[in-house]
Structures are given as structure tokens and as C-alpha cells.
């Protein structure tokens, strides 16, 4: 797990990893704290995906950079392009199915 503490780190993280998953949360967000372990568990099925977490309270610029109006926000990037965006109340099975389709089509052999 990568803790990202600046927008520069976020950009570098996305650029350096073909499969980059950003988890954007806030400190006093109960949904954020409850959802994070479920997301981490789900990502075990996708070994090439790198997980990075940004606390929007510590990096407020993240809201403007990624047009974020709530927390948590889950962003999945493939080769630097955002391909999945989920926010607040996430249906984990739906997210996993979407990720599986994209991952299977784009993962390296």
C-alpha cells in the first residue's frame, strides 16, 4: 500500500504503474474506514494493480484535480487513463465485475 501525500506523488504513482488504483478518503469518514478493507481484499484478485491512498484532508488539492465532491472516491487508472470511478456507497460485486473485465482485456500476458 502506498500512502500518497501530494499531488505530485499522485501523478507519479499513476504514471509509474500501468494499473493504478487510488483510494481517496477523509479522516472523519466512517464510510471511508469501513470500505477500505473491502477494497484491499478485492484487489488481491488483481495482482498487477497497485493501491495508493490519499487523505483529502491532508492533500486538499486532490478534490480539484480529480473533481471530487464526496468521500470515499475510488479511481482506477490503466496506462494513466481513468477507467473506473466510484464514490461514497460502492457496490463491491459490481466494482469487482467491472475491474475484472478491464483487467482481463488489458493485463500483460
N, C-alpha and C. Protein backbone atom coordinates (compact mmCIF):
# COMPACT_ATOMS: atom_id res chain seq x y z
N UNK A 1 0.85 -1.18 0.00
CA UNK A 1 0.00 0.00 0.00
C UNK A 1 0.89 1.24 0.00
N UNK A 2 0.52 2.20 -0.81
CA UNK A 2 1.25 3.45 -0.90
C UNK A 2 0.41 4.58 -0.33
N UNK A 3 0.96 5.30 0.63
CA UNK A 3 0.31 6.49 1.16
C UNK A 3 0.83 7.67 0.35
N UNK A 4 -0.08 8.37 -0.30
CA UNK A 4 0.30 9.47 -1.19
C UNK A 4 0.02 10.78 -0.46
N UNK A 5 1.04 11.64 -0.41
CA UNK A 5 0.92 12.85 0.41
C UNK A 5 0.99 14.15 -0.39
N UNK A 6 0.97 14.05 -1.71
CA UNK A 6 0.98 15.27 -2.53
C UNK A 6 0.42 14.94 -3.91
N UNK A 7 0.02 15.96 -4.63
CA UNK A 7 -0.47 15.75 -5.99
C UNK A 7 0.65 15.28 -6.90
N UNK A 8 1.85 15.74 -6.66
CA UNK A 8 2.99 15.29 -7.45
C UNK A 8 3.19 13.78 -7.28
N UNK A 9 3.10 13.30 -6.05
CA UNK A 9 3.20 11.86 -5.79
C UNK A 9 2.07 11.10 -6.49
N UNK A 10 0.87 11.67 -6.47
CA UNK A 10 -0.27 11.01 -7.12
C UNK A 10 -0.03 10.89 -8.62
N UNK A 11 0.42 11.95 -9.24
CA UNK A 11 0.69 11.91 -10.68
C UNK A 11 1.78 10.89 -11.01
N UNK A 12 2.84 10.89 -10.21
CA UNK A 12 3.93 9.95 -10.41
C UNK A 12 3.45 8.51 -10.23
N UNK A 13 2.65 8.27 -9.20
CA UNK A 13 2.10 6.94 -8.93
C UNK A 13 1.31 6.44 -10.14
N UNK A 14 0.46 7.29 -10.69
CA UNK A 14 -0.37 6.91 -11.84
C UNK A 14 0.50 6.66 -13.08
N UNK A 15 1.51 7.51 -13.28
CA UNK A 15 2.39 7.37 -14.44
C UNK A 15 3.25 6.11 -14.36
N UNK A 16 3.71 5.77 -13.16
CA UNK A 16 4.66 4.67 -13.00
C UNK A 16 4.01 3.28 -12.96
N UNK A 17 2.72 3.22 -12.73
CA UNK A 17 2.05 1.94 -12.62
C UNK A 17 0.99 1.80 -13.72
N UNK A 18 1.13 0.79 -14.57
CA UNK A 18 0.13 0.59 -15.63
C UNK A 18 -1.28 0.39 -15.08
N UNK A 19 -1.38 -0.23 -13.90
CA UNK A 19 -2.67 -0.41 -13.22
C UNK A 19 -2.57 0.29 -11.86
N UNK A 20 -3.14 1.48 -11.76
CA UNK A 20 -3.06 2.27 -10.53
C UNK A 20 -4.47 2.47 -9.97
N UNK A 21 -4.64 2.15 -8.70
CA UNK A 21 -5.93 2.29 -8.03
C UNK A 21 -5.74 3.31 -6.91
N UNK A 22 -6.48 4.42 -6.98
CA UNK A 22 -6.40 5.45 -5.94
C UNK A 22 -7.64 5.38 -5.07
N UNK A 23 -7.40 5.36 -3.77
CA UNK A 23 -8.47 5.38 -2.78
C UNK A 23 -8.38 6.73 -2.08
N UNK A 24 -9.34 7.59 -2.34
CA UNK A 24 -9.33 8.95 -1.77
C UNK A 24 -10.34 8.99 -0.64
N UNK A 25 -9.84 9.32 0.56
CA UNK A 25 -10.69 9.29 1.74
C UNK A 25 -10.52 10.57 2.55
N UNK A 26 -11.26 10.65 3.64
CA UNK A 26 -11.15 11.75 4.59
C UNK A 26 -11.01 11.15 5.99
N UNK A 27 -10.40 11.90 6.88
CA UNK A 27 -10.09 11.39 8.21
C UNK A 27 -11.32 10.98 9.02
N UNK A 28 -12.35 11.79 9.03
CA UNK A 28 -13.52 11.53 9.87
C UNK A 28 -14.68 10.93 9.08
N UNK A 29 -14.38 10.10 8.12
CA UNK A 29 -15.39 9.50 7.24
C UNK A 29 -15.57 8.03 7.62
N UNK A 30 -16.70 7.71 8.22
CA UNK A 30 -16.93 6.33 8.64
C UNK A 30 -17.07 5.39 7.45
N UNK A 31 -17.67 5.85 6.36
CA UNK A 31 -17.79 5.03 5.16
C UNK A 31 -16.40 4.71 4.61
N UNK A 32 -15.51 5.70 4.63
CA UNK A 32 -14.13 5.50 4.15
C UNK A 32 -13.44 4.39 4.93
N UNK A 33 -13.56 4.44 6.23
CA UNK A 33 -12.89 3.46 7.09
C UNK A 33 -13.50 2.06 6.93
N UNK A 34 -14.80 1.99 6.71
CA UNK A 34 -15.46 0.69 6.56
C UNK A 34 -15.19 0.06 5.19
N UNK A 35 -15.08 0.88 4.17
CA UNK A 35 -14.92 0.38 2.80
C UNK A 35 -13.49 -0.04 2.47
N UNK A 36 -12.52 0.63 3.05
CA UNK A 36 -11.11 0.38 2.71
C UNK A 36 -10.70 -1.09 2.82
N UNK A 37 -10.97 -1.80 3.91
CA UNK A 37 -10.56 -3.21 3.97
C UNK A 37 -11.22 -4.07 2.90
N UNK A 38 -12.46 -3.75 2.53
CA UNK A 38 -13.15 -4.49 1.48
C UNK A 38 -12.47 -4.27 0.13
N UNK A 39 -12.06 -3.04 -0.12
CA UNK A 39 -11.37 -2.72 -1.38
C UNK A 39 -10.02 -3.44 -1.43
N UNK A 40 -9.27 -3.37 -0.35
CA UNK A 40 -7.96 -4.03 -0.31
C UNK A 40 -8.11 -5.53 -0.52
N UNK A 41 -9.11 -6.12 0.09
CA UNK A 41 -9.37 -7.55 -0.08
C UNK A 41 -9.73 -7.86 -1.53
N UNK A 42 -10.57 -7.05 -2.14
CA UNK A 42 -10.96 -7.26 -3.53
C UNK A 42 -9.76 -7.18 -4.47
N UNK A 43 -8.85 -6.24 -4.20
CA UNK A 43 -7.70 -6.03 -5.07
C UNK A 43 -6.71 -7.21 -5.05
N UNK A 44 -6.84 -8.10 -4.10
CA UNK A 44 -5.98 -9.30 -4.08
C UNK A 44 -6.20 -10.15 -5.33
N UNK A 45 -7.36 -10.03 -5.94
CA UNK A 45 -7.66 -10.77 -7.17
C UNK A 45 -6.97 -10.17 -8.39
N UNK A 46 -6.36 -9.00 -8.22
CA UNK A 46 -5.73 -8.29 -9.34
C UNK A 46 -4.28 -7.97 -8.98
N UNK A 47 -3.39 -8.95 -9.08
CA UNK A 47 -2.02 -8.75 -8.58
C UNK A 47 -1.22 -7.64 -9.26
N UNK A 48 -1.56 -7.27 -10.47
CA UNK A 48 -0.81 -6.21 -11.15
C UNK A 48 -1.26 -4.80 -10.73
N UNK A 49 -2.37 -4.71 -10.00
CA UNK A 49 -2.91 -3.40 -9.61
C UNK A 49 -2.18 -2.90 -8.37
N UNK A 50 -1.70 -1.66 -8.45
CA UNK A 50 -1.05 -1.02 -7.31
C UNK A 50 -2.06 -0.12 -6.60
N UNK A 51 -2.09 -0.20 -5.28
CA UNK A 51 -3.04 0.55 -4.46
C UNK A 51 -2.35 1.76 -3.84
N UNK A 52 -2.97 2.92 -4.01
CA UNK A 52 -2.47 4.14 -3.37
C UNK A 52 -3.61 4.83 -2.66
N UNK A 53 -3.31 5.37 -1.49
CA UNK A 53 -4.34 6.05 -0.70
C UNK A 53 -3.96 7.50 -0.50
N UNK A 54 -4.95 8.38 -0.69
CA UNK A 54 -4.77 9.81 -0.48
C UNK A 54 -5.82 10.27 0.53
N UNK A 55 -5.38 10.97 1.56
CA UNK A 55 -6.31 11.58 2.51
C UNK A 55 -6.58 13.00 2.01
N UNK A 56 -7.82 13.27 1.63
CA UNK A 56 -8.19 14.57 1.08
C UNK A 56 -8.05 15.69 2.11
N UNK A 57 -8.04 15.34 3.39
CA UNK A 57 -7.81 16.35 4.42
C UNK A 57 -6.35 16.82 4.40
N UNK A 58 -5.44 15.90 4.08
CA UNK A 58 -4.01 16.22 4.03
C UNK A 58 -3.58 16.78 2.69
N UNK A 59 -4.28 16.40 1.63
CA UNK A 59 -3.95 16.85 0.26
C UNK A 59 -5.23 17.44 -0.34
N UNK A 60 -5.63 18.64 0.09
CA UNK A 60 -6.91 19.20 -0.37
C UNK A 60 -6.97 19.45 -1.88
N UNK A 61 -5.82 19.59 -2.53
CA UNK A 61 -5.80 19.84 -3.98
C UNK A 61 -6.37 18.67 -4.76
N UNK A 62 -6.41 17.49 -4.13
CA UNK A 62 -6.91 16.30 -4.82
C UNK A 62 -8.36 16.48 -5.25
N UNK A 63 -9.12 17.22 -4.48
CA UNK A 63 -10.53 17.44 -4.81
C UNK A 63 -10.68 18.16 -6.15
N UNK A 64 -9.90 19.20 -6.34
CA UNK A 64 -9.97 19.94 -7.60
C UNK A 64 -9.35 19.17 -8.75
N UNK A 65 -8.26 18.50 -8.48
CA UNK A 65 -7.54 17.79 -9.55
C UNK A 65 -8.38 16.65 -10.13
N UNK A 66 -9.18 15.99 -9.31
CA UNK A 66 -9.95 14.85 -9.78
C UNK A 66 -11.47 15.07 -9.66
N UNK A 67 -11.89 16.32 -9.51
CA UNK A 67 -13.32 16.66 -9.43
C UNK A 67 -14.05 15.79 -8.40
N UNK A 68 -13.58 15.87 -7.17
CA UNK A 68 -14.12 15.06 -6.08
C UNK A 68 -14.97 15.93 -5.16
N UNK A 69 -16.19 15.46 -4.92
CA UNK A 69 -17.13 16.21 -4.10
C UNK A 69 -17.59 15.46 -2.86
N UNK A 70 -17.13 14.22 -2.70
CA UNK A 70 -17.52 13.39 -1.56
C UNK A 70 -16.37 12.44 -1.25
N UNK A 71 -16.54 11.63 -0.23
CA UNK A 71 -15.53 10.62 0.09
C UNK A 71 -16.26 9.39 0.60
N UNK A 72 -15.71 8.23 0.37
CA UNK A 72 -14.51 7.94 -0.41
C UNK A 72 -14.78 7.98 -1.91
N UNK A 73 -13.69 8.14 -2.65
CA UNK A 73 -13.73 8.04 -4.11
C UNK A 73 -12.68 7.02 -4.51
N UNK A 74 -13.07 6.12 -5.38
CA UNK A 74 -12.19 5.07 -5.87
C UNK A 74 -11.95 5.33 -7.35
N UNK A 75 -10.69 5.47 -7.72
CA UNK A 75 -10.32 5.73 -9.11
C UNK A 75 -9.38 4.64 -9.58
N UNK A 76 -9.68 4.07 -10.73
CA UNK A 76 -8.83 3.03 -11.32
C UNK A 76 -8.30 3.55 -12.64
N UNK A 77 -6.98 3.56 -12.77
CA UNK A 77 -6.31 4.06 -13.96
C UNK A 77 -5.60 2.91 -14.67
N UNK A 78 -5.73 2.87 -15.99
CA UNK A 78 -4.99 1.93 -16.82
C UNK A 78 -4.16 2.76 -17.78
N UNK A 79 -2.86 2.58 -17.71
CA UNK A 79 -1.92 3.34 -18.54
C UNK A 79 -2.18 4.85 -18.45
N UNK A 80 -2.44 5.32 -17.23
CA UNK A 80 -2.60 6.74 -16.98
C UNK A 80 -3.97 7.31 -17.28
N UNK A 81 -4.90 6.49 -17.74
CA UNK A 81 -6.25 6.97 -18.06
C UNK A 81 -7.25 6.43 -17.05
N UNK A 82 -8.10 7.30 -16.55
CA UNK A 82 -9.13 6.88 -15.61
C UNK A 82 -10.17 6.04 -16.34
N UNK A 83 -10.38 4.81 -15.85
CA UNK A 83 -11.34 3.93 -16.49
C UNK A 83 -12.51 3.56 -15.57
N UNK A 84 -12.33 3.72 -14.27
CA UNK A 84 -13.42 3.46 -13.32
C UNK A 84 -13.39 4.55 -12.26
N UNK A 85 -14.58 5.02 -11.92
CA UNK A 85 -14.76 5.98 -10.82
C UNK A 85 -15.98 5.54 -10.04
N UNK A 86 -15.79 5.34 -8.75
CA UNK A 86 -16.88 5.01 -7.84
C UNK A 86 -16.78 5.95 -6.65
N UNK A 87 -17.91 6.27 -6.05
CA UNK A 87 -17.88 7.19 -4.91
C UNK A 87 -18.93 6.79 -3.87
N UNK A 88 -18.59 7.15 -2.65
CA UNK A 88 -19.43 7.01 -1.46
C UNK A 88 -19.89 5.59 -1.19
N UNK A 89 -21.07 5.21 -1.64
CA UNK A 89 -21.60 3.88 -1.36
C UNK A 89 -21.35 2.99 -2.57
N UNK A 90 -20.35 2.14 -2.45
CA UNK A 90 -19.87 1.33 -3.57
C UNK A 90 -20.41 -0.08 -3.44
N UNK A 91 -20.94 -0.60 -4.52
CA UNK A 91 -21.37 -1.99 -4.57
C UNK A 91 -20.15 -2.81 -4.99
N UNK A 92 -19.59 -3.53 -4.05
CA UNK A 92 -18.32 -4.22 -4.27
C UNK A 92 -18.39 -5.25 -5.39
N UNK A 93 -19.46 -6.00 -5.51
CA UNK A 93 -19.57 -7.00 -6.57
C UNK A 93 -19.58 -6.34 -7.95
N UNK A 94 -20.30 -5.24 -8.06
CA UNK A 94 -20.35 -4.50 -9.33
C UNK A 94 -18.96 -3.97 -9.67
N UNK A 95 -18.28 -3.40 -8.69
CA UNK A 95 -16.93 -2.89 -8.91
C UNK A 95 -15.99 -4.02 -9.32
N UNK A 96 -16.05 -5.14 -8.63
CA UNK A 96 -15.17 -6.25 -8.96
C UNK A 96 -15.42 -6.76 -10.37
N UNK A 97 -16.68 -6.85 -10.77
CA UNK A 97 -17.01 -7.30 -12.13
C UNK A 97 -16.47 -6.33 -13.18
N UNK A 98 -16.63 -5.05 -12.95
CA UNK A 98 -16.10 -4.05 -13.89
C UNK A 98 -14.58 -4.13 -13.98
N UNK A 99 -13.94 -4.26 -12.82
CA UNK A 99 -12.47 -4.34 -12.81
C UNK A 99 -11.99 -5.61 -13.50
N UNK A 100 -12.69 -6.72 -13.29
CA UNK A 100 -12.31 -7.98 -13.92
C UNK A 100 -12.32 -7.85 -15.44
N UNK A 101 -13.37 -7.27 -15.98
CA UNK A 101 -13.47 -7.10 -17.44
C UNK A 101 -12.31 -6.26 -17.97
N UNK A 102 -12.05 -5.15 -17.34
CA UNK A 102 -10.98 -4.26 -17.80
C UNK A 102 -9.63 -4.92 -17.61
N UNK A 103 -9.42 -5.52 -16.47
CA UNK A 103 -8.13 -6.15 -16.14
C UNK A 103 -7.82 -7.28 -17.12
N UNK A 104 -8.80 -8.12 -17.39
CA UNK A 104 -8.59 -9.26 -18.30
C UNK A 104 -8.28 -8.78 -19.72
N UNK A 105 -8.87 -7.68 -20.15
CA UNK A 105 -8.63 -7.17 -21.50
C UNK A 105 -7.28 -6.49 -21.65
N UNK A 106 -6.74 -5.96 -20.55
CA UNK A 106 -5.55 -5.11 -20.66
C UNK A 106 -4.33 -5.61 -19.94
N UNK A 107 -4.45 -6.67 -19.14
CA UNK A 107 -3.29 -7.13 -18.37
C UNK A 107 -2.21 -7.70 -19.29
N UNK A 108 -0.95 -7.60 -18.86
CA UNK A 108 0.11 -8.20 -19.65
C UNK A 108 0.05 -9.73 -19.58
N UNK A 109 0.52 -10.38 -20.61
CA UNK A 109 0.46 -11.85 -20.67
C UNK A 109 1.38 -12.49 -19.68
